[in-house]
Every structure is written in C-alpha cells, then in structure tokens.
N, C-alpha and C. Protein backbone atom coordinates (compact mmCIF):
# COMPACT_ATOMS: atom_id res chain seq x y z
N MET A 1 61.92 16.71 -44.62
CA MET A 1 63.12 16.88 -46.03
C MET A 1 62.80 16.36 -47.39
N PRO A 2 62.58 17.19 -48.00
CA PRO A 2 62.63 16.95 -49.65
C PRO A 2 64.14 15.81 -49.97
N ASN A 3 63.64 14.66 -50.84
CA ASN A 3 64.48 13.88 -50.94
C ASN A 3 64.46 14.11 -52.62
N LYS A 4 63.74 14.58 -54.06
CA LYS A 4 64.08 14.81 -54.64
C LYS A 4 64.32 15.81 -54.89
N LYS A 5 64.90 16.79 -56.43
CA LYS A 5 65.43 17.62 -56.65
C LYS A 5 64.13 18.50 -57.07
N SER A 6 63.15 18.22 -57.41
CA SER A 6 62.23 19.29 -57.80
C SER A 6 61.54 19.50 -56.46
N ALA A 7 61.29 18.65 -55.68
CA ALA A 7 60.64 19.16 -54.03
C ALA A 7 61.78 19.76 -53.34
N LYS A 8 62.66 20.02 -53.84
CA LYS A 8 63.59 21.02 -53.55
C LYS A 8 63.03 22.19 -53.59
N LYS A 9 63.19 22.10 -55.31
CA LYS A 9 62.94 23.41 -55.52
C LYS A 9 61.73 24.38 -55.24
N GLU A 10 60.23 23.43 -55.24
CA GLU A 10 59.72 23.67 -54.25
C GLU A 10 59.50 23.89 -53.46
N LEU A 11 60.40 23.61 -52.57
CA LEU A 11 60.44 24.13 -50.75
C LEU A 11 60.98 26.11 -50.78
N ARG A 12 62.21 25.71 -51.58
CA ARG A 12 62.65 27.25 -51.77
C ARG A 12 61.84 28.29 -52.29
N LYS A 13 60.76 27.82 -53.37
CA LYS A 13 60.10 28.96 -53.60
C LYS A 13 58.84 29.15 -52.67
N ASN A 14 58.51 27.98 -52.20
CA ASN A 14 57.28 28.11 -50.94
C ASN A 14 57.56 29.32 -49.70
N ILE A 15 59.34 29.07 -49.32
CA ILE A 15 59.61 29.78 -48.22
C ILE A 15 60.16 31.42 -49.14
N LYS A 16 59.87 31.63 -50.35
CA LYS A 16 60.22 32.77 -50.78
C LYS A 16 58.59 33.48 -50.80
N ARG A 17 57.82 32.65 -51.39
CA ARG A 17 56.39 32.97 -51.65
C ARG A 17 56.02 33.57 -49.99
N ASN A 18 56.52 32.95 -49.43
CA ASN A 18 55.24 32.79 -47.58
C ASN A 18 56.07 34.27 -47.36
N LEU A 19 57.53 34.29 -47.07
CA LEU A 19 58.34 35.75 -46.77
C LEU A 19 57.37 37.05 -47.77
N GLU A 20 57.29 36.78 -48.72
CA GLU A 20 56.74 38.18 -49.68
C GLU A 20 55.25 38.21 -49.34
N ASN A 21 54.45 36.82 -48.95
CA ASN A 21 53.22 37.38 -48.41
C ASN A 21 52.95 37.82 -46.92
N LYS A 22 54.10 37.59 -46.15
CA LYS A 22 54.12 37.82 -44.48
C LYS A 22 54.31 39.65 -45.01
N VAL A 23 54.97 39.91 -46.15
CA VAL A 23 55.03 41.30 -45.99
C VAL A 23 54.29 42.40 -46.41
N VAL A 24 53.04 41.40 -47.19
CA VAL A 24 51.85 42.27 -47.68
C VAL A 24 50.82 41.87 -46.36
N SER A 25 51.22 41.00 -45.70
CA SER A 25 50.06 40.96 -44.70
C SER A 25 50.02 41.92 -43.80
N LYS A 26 51.44 41.83 -43.45
CA LYS A 26 52.21 42.84 -42.12
C LYS A 26 51.80 44.49 -42.56
N THR A 27 51.60 45.10 -44.24
CA THR A 27 51.68 46.30 -44.41
C THR A 27 50.18 46.33 -44.19
N MET A 28 49.13 45.75 -44.65
CA MET A 28 47.82 45.62 -44.44
C MET A 28 47.39 45.88 -43.48
N LYS A 29 47.38 44.79 -42.08
CA LYS A 29 47.45 45.07 -40.54
C LYS A 29 47.80 45.78 -40.28
N LYS A 30 49.14 46.73 -40.41
CA LYS A 30 49.25 48.10 -39.76
C LYS A 30 48.25 48.76 -40.09
N ALA A 31 48.36 48.94 -41.54
CA ALA A 31 47.69 49.95 -41.56
C ALA A 31 45.81 50.27 -41.47
N VAL A 32 45.60 49.13 -41.21
CA VAL A 32 44.24 49.25 -40.87
C VAL A 32 44.49 49.36 -38.97
N LYS A 33 45.34 48.98 -38.71
CA LYS A 33 45.43 49.08 -37.02
C LYS A 33 45.80 50.49 -36.45
N THR A 34 46.57 51.43 -37.70
CA THR A 34 46.67 52.75 -37.32
C THR A 34 45.45 53.98 -37.50
N SER A 35 44.37 53.31 -38.72
CA SER A 35 43.35 53.42 -39.38
C SER A 35 42.34 53.50 -38.00
N LEU A 36 42.56 51.93 -37.41
CA LEU A 36 41.30 51.98 -36.17
C LEU A 36 41.51 52.92 -35.17
N LYS A 37 42.89 52.74 -34.88
CA LYS A 37 43.28 53.71 -33.26
C LYS A 37 42.90 55.32 -33.78
N VAL A 38 43.07 55.82 -34.76
CA VAL A 38 42.56 56.98 -35.36
C VAL A 38 41.49 57.06 -35.09
N ILE A 39 40.68 56.19 -35.53
CA ILE A 39 39.17 56.14 -35.31
C ILE A 39 38.44 56.55 -33.74
N ALA A 40 39.23 55.51 -33.09
CA ALA A 40 38.96 55.20 -31.73
C ALA A 40 39.13 56.47 -30.88
N THR A 41 40.20 57.16 -31.30
CA THR A 41 40.55 58.44 -30.45
C THR A 41 39.39 59.41 -31.38
N GLY A 42 38.86 60.11 -31.58
CA GLY A 42 37.57 60.58 -32.42
C GLY A 42 38.02 61.26 -33.27
N GLU A 43 39.09 61.44 -33.91
CA GLU A 43 39.83 62.12 -34.76
C GLU A 43 39.30 61.50 -36.28
N LYS A 44 39.69 62.68 -36.90
CA LYS A 44 39.08 62.43 -39.05
C LYS A 44 39.82 62.20 -39.63
N LEU A 45 40.17 61.15 -40.11
CA LEU A 45 41.16 60.71 -40.88
C LEU A 45 41.26 61.32 -42.02
N THR A 46 42.59 61.92 -42.62
CA THR A 46 42.65 62.48 -43.81
C THR A 46 42.15 61.57 -45.26
N LYS A 47 41.69 62.00 -46.44
CA LYS A 47 41.81 61.03 -47.50
C LYS A 47 42.99 59.89 -47.67
N GLU A 48 44.03 60.71 -47.47
CA GLU A 48 45.34 60.10 -48.10
C GLU A 48 45.57 58.37 -47.41
N ALA A 49 44.91 59.20 -45.84
CA ALA A 49 45.26 57.40 -44.85
C ALA A 49 44.17 56.73 -45.28
N ILE A 50 42.61 57.16 -45.26
CA ILE A 50 41.76 56.10 -46.32
C ILE A 50 42.25 55.57 -47.15
N SER A 51 42.73 56.55 -47.89
CA SER A 51 43.09 55.62 -49.61
C SER A 51 43.69 54.53 -49.16
N SER A 52 45.39 54.75 -48.39
CA SER A 52 46.19 53.86 -47.75
C SER A 52 45.58 52.76 -47.90
N THR A 53 44.96 52.43 -46.66
CA THR A 53 44.50 51.64 -45.55
C THR A 53 43.52 50.73 -46.76
N ILE A 54 43.04 51.49 -47.93
CA ILE A 54 42.23 50.70 -48.85
C ILE A 54 42.73 49.95 -49.70
N LYS A 55 43.98 50.86 -50.41
CA LYS A 55 44.89 50.32 -51.30
C LYS A 55 45.43 49.23 -50.60
N ALA A 56 46.05 49.41 -49.46
CA ALA A 56 46.63 48.25 -48.43
C ALA A 56 45.82 46.84 -48.49
N ILE A 57 44.74 47.33 -48.34
CA ILE A 57 43.02 45.98 -48.06
C ILE A 57 43.79 45.25 -49.49
N ASP A 58 43.05 45.87 -50.67
CA ASP A 58 42.82 45.35 -52.08
C ASP A 58 44.20 44.62 -52.66
N LYS A 59 45.24 45.42 -52.29
CA LYS A 59 46.81 44.89 -52.40
C LYS A 59 46.68 43.17 -52.13
N ALA A 60 46.08 43.24 -50.93
CA ALA A 60 46.43 41.70 -50.48
C ALA A 60 45.65 40.93 -50.46
N ALA A 61 44.43 41.49 -51.73
CA ALA A 61 43.91 40.19 -52.03
C ALA A 61 43.56 40.37 -53.32
N LYS A 62 44.11 40.98 -54.04
CA LYS A 62 44.90 41.10 -55.27
C LYS A 62 45.77 39.90 -55.82
N LYS A 63 46.96 39.91 -54.24
CA LYS A 63 48.21 39.46 -54.41
C LYS A 63 47.52 38.06 -53.88
N GLY A 64 46.43 37.44 -53.43
CA GLY A 64 45.65 36.25 -53.11
C GLY A 64 46.19 35.86 -51.18
N VAL A 65 46.33 36.88 -50.58
CA VAL A 65 47.22 36.87 -49.73
C VAL A 65 45.75 36.63 -48.41
N ILE A 66 44.79 37.84 -48.65
CA ILE A 66 43.05 37.66 -48.29
C ILE A 66 42.10 37.44 -49.49
N LYS A 67 41.41 36.57 -48.99
CA LYS A 67 39.93 36.09 -49.88
C LYS A 67 39.57 37.70 -50.49
N LYS A 68 38.63 37.58 -51.67
CA LYS A 68 38.28 38.92 -52.19
C LYS A 68 36.55 39.18 -50.85
N ASN A 69 36.31 38.40 -50.89
CA ASN A 69 35.22 38.16 -49.80
C ASN A 69 35.89 39.11 -48.55
N THR A 70 36.62 38.17 -47.86
CA THR A 70 37.48 39.24 -47.04
C THR A 70 38.15 40.27 -47.05
N ALA A 71 38.71 41.43 -47.82
CA ALA A 71 38.74 42.15 -48.66
C ALA A 71 37.55 43.28 -48.67
N ALA A 72 36.51 42.48 -48.79
CA ALA A 72 35.24 43.73 -49.04
C ALA A 72 34.62 44.01 -48.12
N ARG A 73 34.52 42.83 -46.51
CA ARG A 73 34.43 43.24 -45.34
C ARG A 73 34.98 43.98 -44.93
N LYS A 74 36.18 44.08 -44.74
CA LYS A 74 37.28 45.15 -44.16
C LYS A 74 37.06 45.74 -44.61
N LYS A 75 36.80 46.61 -45.47
CA LYS A 75 36.41 47.62 -46.14
C LYS A 75 35.67 48.23 -45.62
N SER A 76 34.35 47.44 -45.86
CA SER A 76 32.82 47.76 -45.28
C SER A 76 33.28 48.44 -44.01
N ARG A 77 33.48 47.32 -43.22
CA ARG A 77 33.54 47.39 -41.71
C ARG A 77 34.05 48.76 -41.39
N LEU A 78 35.49 49.31 -42.34
CA LEU A 78 36.14 50.26 -42.25
C LEU A 78 35.45 51.62 -42.60
N GLN A 79 34.86 51.74 -43.45
CA GLN A 79 34.30 52.71 -43.93
C GLN A 79 32.69 53.02 -43.03
N LYS A 80 32.45 51.92 -42.46
CA LYS A 80 31.41 51.72 -41.46
C LYS A 80 31.66 53.01 -39.91
N LYS A 81 32.88 52.87 -40.16
CA LYS A 81 33.36 53.04 -38.68
C LYS A 81 33.75 54.52 -39.12
N ILE A 82 34.26 54.73 -40.26
CA ILE A 82 34.58 56.25 -40.62
C ILE A 82 33.20 57.16 -40.75
N ASN A 83 31.81 56.26 -41.40
CA ASN A 83 30.97 57.62 -41.63
C ASN A 83 30.43 57.57 -40.43
N THR A 84 30.75 56.48 -39.42
CA THR A 84 29.94 57.39 -37.82
C THR A 84 30.82 58.20 -37.06
N LEU A 85 31.95 59.04 -37.54
CA LEU A 85 32.67 60.46 -37.13
C LEU A 85 32.01 61.57 -37.55
N LYS A 86 31.30 61.43 -38.93
CA LYS A 86 30.54 62.27 -39.31
C LYS A 86 29.86 62.58 -39.09
C-alpha cells in the first residue's frame, strides 16, 4: 500500500485507467473473434462488420492498449483471411 498522498492518488488513477483499457481491449478482442468465426464458417463478412472490427483495432492502438505495429499486423492478417474467401 502506498504511504504518501500522491502515491495513493496515482494508485487510484492506475486502477481507473486499467478498467478503461480493459473495456477497449475486450471490445477489440470480441470483434476480432466474431469476424474470425464468420470467416471460419465460410460466410462472407459484411462491409459493416469488417469496418467495425478494423475500427475497434484502430481505437485500441490509438488509446495505447496495443502497439501500432500490433494493430497493423492484426488488420493485415484479418484482411488476408477475408481475401481468401473472395
């Protein structure tokens, strides 16, 4: 446990940031998983589903939950799988 007042405040801030990052991370992971499930069944993804998944990945990268290159890699791999269906 922190002893100083500033350390206590920093701990509160870290807890709040952690919760916000988890929400962003969970929504991104959920979008990617649903897209991959649809691809695995052989169905075509709608443009809205593709754009919402990519938007979730971009949002996570922008907020610093994942790194920029990780986001680019995830989008690239997803796009490759989508292109194999066409």
